[in-house]
Each structure stands twice: as structure tokens, then as C-alpha cells.
Amino acid sequence: GPHLHYEVHELDGEVLDPMHFLMPDMSPESYRKLERRTQQYRANLEEDAALPQTASSQAAR
């Protein structure tokens, strides 16, 4: 389905991790916390996507 894909490259073509490019001062522990939260959010989204959809539940959104 539709999604956003982007990459960050140095001038010499080296591919950079976008998280380090966008937040270079983030500590390794903060980065790990962010990754854990992201995994939790994704799991919640997957659970919601697995729920049956009815006309009344779609109208409420």
C-alpha cells in the first residue's frame, strides 16, 4: 500500500541512518527507548487492523 520511503546520503553517496541524521545528539539509550515505543505503536496498529470493520465503526472514525 501507500507508504513513505526516504534515504539520507552523504555527498560521497554513503547512506546514513536517518535517525542519526535527524537527531545527531540522541543518546543510544534514548534511541533504544524510541525503538521500543515504535514497536509498541506498530503492534497496536496491527491489532486494530485485525479487528473486523463494520459500517457503524467506520462512521465513528
N, C-alpha and C. Protein backbone atom coordinates (compact mmCIF):
# COMPACT_ATOMS: atom_id res chain seq x y z
N GLY A 1 0.80 -1.17 0.00
CA GLY A 1 0.00 0.00 0.00
C GLY A 1 0.86 1.25 0.00
N PRO A 2 0.23 2.39 0.00
CA PRO A 2 0.96 3.66 0.00
C PRO A 2 1.84 3.78 1.24
N HIS A 3 3.03 4.26 1.04
CA HIS A 3 3.94 4.48 2.16
C HIS A 3 4.99 5.50 1.76
N LEU A 4 5.71 5.97 2.74
CA LEU A 4 6.78 6.93 2.51
C LEU A 4 8.11 6.22 2.67
N HIS A 5 8.98 6.40 1.72
CA HIS A 5 10.33 5.84 1.80
C HIS A 5 11.30 6.97 1.52
N TYR A 6 12.26 7.14 2.38
CA TYR A 6 13.29 8.14 2.12
C TYR A 6 14.63 7.62 2.61
N GLU A 7 15.67 8.13 2.02
CA GLU A 7 17.03 7.79 2.41
C GLU A 7 17.82 9.07 2.53
N VAL A 8 18.85 9.03 3.37
CA VAL A 8 19.74 10.17 3.53
C VAL A 8 21.12 9.71 3.06
N HIS A 9 21.70 10.49 2.16
CA HIS A 9 23.01 10.17 1.61
C HIS A 9 23.99 11.31 1.86
N GLU A 10 25.22 10.95 2.16
CA GLU A 10 26.30 11.93 2.22
C GLU A 10 26.60 12.38 0.79
N LEU A 11 27.37 13.44 0.66
CA LEU A 11 27.74 13.92 -0.68
C LEU A 11 28.51 12.86 -1.47
N ASP A 12 29.24 11.99 -0.74
CA ASP A 12 30.01 10.94 -1.43
C ASP A 12 29.16 9.70 -1.73
N GLY A 13 27.85 9.75 -1.41
CA GLY A 13 26.95 8.64 -1.71
C GLY A 13 26.73 7.68 -0.55
N GLU A 14 27.49 7.83 0.54
CA GLU A 14 27.32 6.94 1.69
C GLU A 14 25.91 7.11 2.27
N VAL A 15 25.25 5.97 2.53
CA VAL A 15 23.90 6.00 3.10
C VAL A 15 24.01 6.19 4.61
N LEU A 16 23.22 7.12 5.14
CA LEU A 16 23.21 7.40 6.58
C LEU A 16 21.92 6.88 7.20
N ASP A 17 21.98 6.51 8.47
CA ASP A 17 20.78 6.18 9.22
C ASP A 17 20.00 7.48 9.42
N PRO A 18 18.76 7.58 8.91
CA PRO A 18 18.00 8.83 9.03
C PRO A 18 17.83 9.30 10.46
N MET A 19 17.71 8.38 11.42
CA MET A 19 17.53 8.79 12.81
C MET A 19 18.76 9.55 13.31
N HIS A 20 19.94 9.12 12.91
CA HIS A 20 21.15 9.81 13.35
C HIS A 20 21.32 11.12 12.60
N PHE A 21 20.81 11.18 11.39
CA PHE A 21 20.88 12.42 10.63
C PHE A 21 19.93 13.45 11.22
N LEU A 22 18.71 13.01 11.58
CA LEU A 22 17.71 13.94 12.08
C LEU A 22 17.94 14.31 13.54
N MET A 23 18.50 13.40 14.33
CA MET A 23 18.71 13.63 15.76
C MET A 23 20.12 13.22 16.14
N PRO A 24 21.13 13.95 15.69
CA PRO A 24 22.51 13.51 15.93
C PRO A 24 22.91 13.48 17.40
N ASP A 25 22.22 14.24 18.25
CA ASP A 25 22.61 14.30 19.66
C ASP A 25 21.86 13.29 20.53
N MET A 26 21.04 12.44 19.92
CA MET A 26 20.27 11.47 20.70
C MET A 26 21.21 10.41 21.26
N SER A 27 21.07 10.14 22.54
CA SER A 27 21.91 9.13 23.18
C SER A 27 21.47 7.74 22.74
N PRO A 28 22.36 6.76 22.82
CA PRO A 28 21.98 5.39 22.47
C PRO A 28 20.78 4.89 23.28
N GLU A 29 20.71 5.24 24.56
CA GLU A 29 19.58 4.80 25.39
C GLU A 29 18.28 5.44 24.91
N SER A 30 18.31 6.72 24.58
CA SER A 30 17.11 7.39 24.07
C SER A 30 16.67 6.76 22.75
N TYR A 31 17.63 6.42 21.91
CA TYR A 31 17.31 5.78 20.64
C TYR A 31 16.64 4.42 20.88
N ARG A 32 17.16 3.64 21.82
CA ARG A 32 16.55 2.33 22.13
C ARG A 32 15.13 2.51 22.67
N LYS A 33 14.91 3.53 23.52
CA LYS A 33 13.56 3.81 24.02
C LYS A 33 12.62 4.16 22.88
N LEU A 34 13.10 4.97 21.95
CA LEU A 34 12.29 5.34 20.80
C LEU A 34 11.95 4.11 19.96
N GLU A 35 12.91 3.22 19.77
CA GLU A 35 12.65 1.99 19.01
C GLU A 35 11.61 1.13 19.72
N ARG A 36 11.70 1.00 21.05
CA ARG A 36 10.72 0.20 21.80
C ARG A 36 9.32 0.79 21.67
N ARG A 37 9.21 2.12 21.81
CA ARG A 37 7.90 2.77 21.67
C ARG A 37 7.34 2.57 20.26
N THR A 38 8.20 2.67 19.28
CA THR A 38 7.76 2.48 17.89
C THR A 38 7.23 1.07 17.70
N GLN A 39 7.91 0.08 18.25
CA GLN A 39 7.45 -1.31 18.14
C GLN A 39 6.10 -1.48 18.82
N GLN A 40 5.90 -0.83 19.98
CA GLN A 40 4.61 -0.91 20.67
C GLN A 40 3.51 -0.28 19.84
N TYR A 41 3.78 0.89 19.26
CA TYR A 41 2.78 1.56 18.42
C TYR A 41 2.42 0.70 17.22
N ARG A 42 3.43 0.10 16.60
CA ARG A 42 3.16 -0.76 15.43
C ARG A 42 2.32 -1.97 15.83
N ALA A 43 2.62 -2.57 16.96
CA ALA A 43 1.84 -3.72 17.43
C ALA A 43 0.39 -3.31 17.66
N ASN A 44 0.17 -2.13 18.26
CA ASN A 44 -1.19 -1.65 18.48
C ASN A 44 -1.91 -1.42 17.16
N LEU A 45 -1.23 -0.85 16.18
CA LEU A 45 -1.84 -0.62 14.88
C LEU A 45 -2.21 -1.94 14.21
N GLU A 46 -1.33 -2.94 14.33
CA GLU A 46 -1.62 -4.25 13.74
C GLU A 46 -2.82 -4.90 14.41
N GLU A 47 -2.93 -4.75 15.73
CA GLU A 47 -4.09 -5.29 16.44
C GLU A 47 -5.36 -4.62 15.96
N ASP A 48 -5.34 -3.30 15.83
CA ASP A 48 -6.51 -2.56 15.36
C ASP A 48 -6.88 -2.97 13.94
N ALA A 49 -5.88 -3.19 13.10
CA ALA A 49 -6.14 -3.57 11.71
C ALA A 49 -6.78 -4.95 11.62
N ALA A 50 -6.52 -5.80 12.61
CA ALA A 50 -7.07 -7.15 12.60
C ALA A 50 -8.52 -7.20 13.06
N LEU A 51 -9.02 -6.13 13.67
CA LEU A 51 -10.40 -6.10 14.14
C LEU A 51 -11.35 -6.04 12.95
N PRO A 52 -12.49 -6.70 13.05
CA PRO A 52 -13.46 -6.62 11.95
C PRO A 52 -13.99 -5.20 11.82
N GLN A 53 -14.20 -4.78 10.59
CA GLN A 53 -14.72 -3.44 10.31
C GLN A 53 -16.20 -3.54 9.95
N THR A 54 -17.00 -2.71 10.58
CA THR A 54 -18.42 -2.64 10.26
C THR A 54 -18.74 -1.23 9.81
N ALA A 55 -19.87 -1.06 9.16
CA ALA A 55 -20.26 0.27 8.68
C ALA A 55 -20.37 1.25 9.84
N SER A 56 -20.92 0.80 10.97
CA SER A 56 -21.08 1.71 12.11
C SER A 56 -19.74 2.09 12.72
N SER A 57 -18.76 1.18 12.75
CA SER A 57 -17.46 1.52 13.33
C SER A 57 -16.68 2.45 12.41
N GLN A 58 -16.87 2.33 11.11
CA GLN A 58 -16.18 3.22 10.17
C GLN A 58 -16.78 4.62 10.22
N ALA A 59 -18.08 4.73 10.46
CA ALA A 59 -18.72 6.04 10.53
C ALA A 59 -18.25 6.81 11.76
N ALA A 60 -17.87 6.09 12.82
CA ALA A 60 -17.45 6.74 14.06
C ALA A 60 -16.04 7.31 13.94
N ARG A 61 -15.28 6.89 12.96
CA ARG A 61 -13.89 7.35 12.82
C ARG A 61 -13.80 8.69 12.22
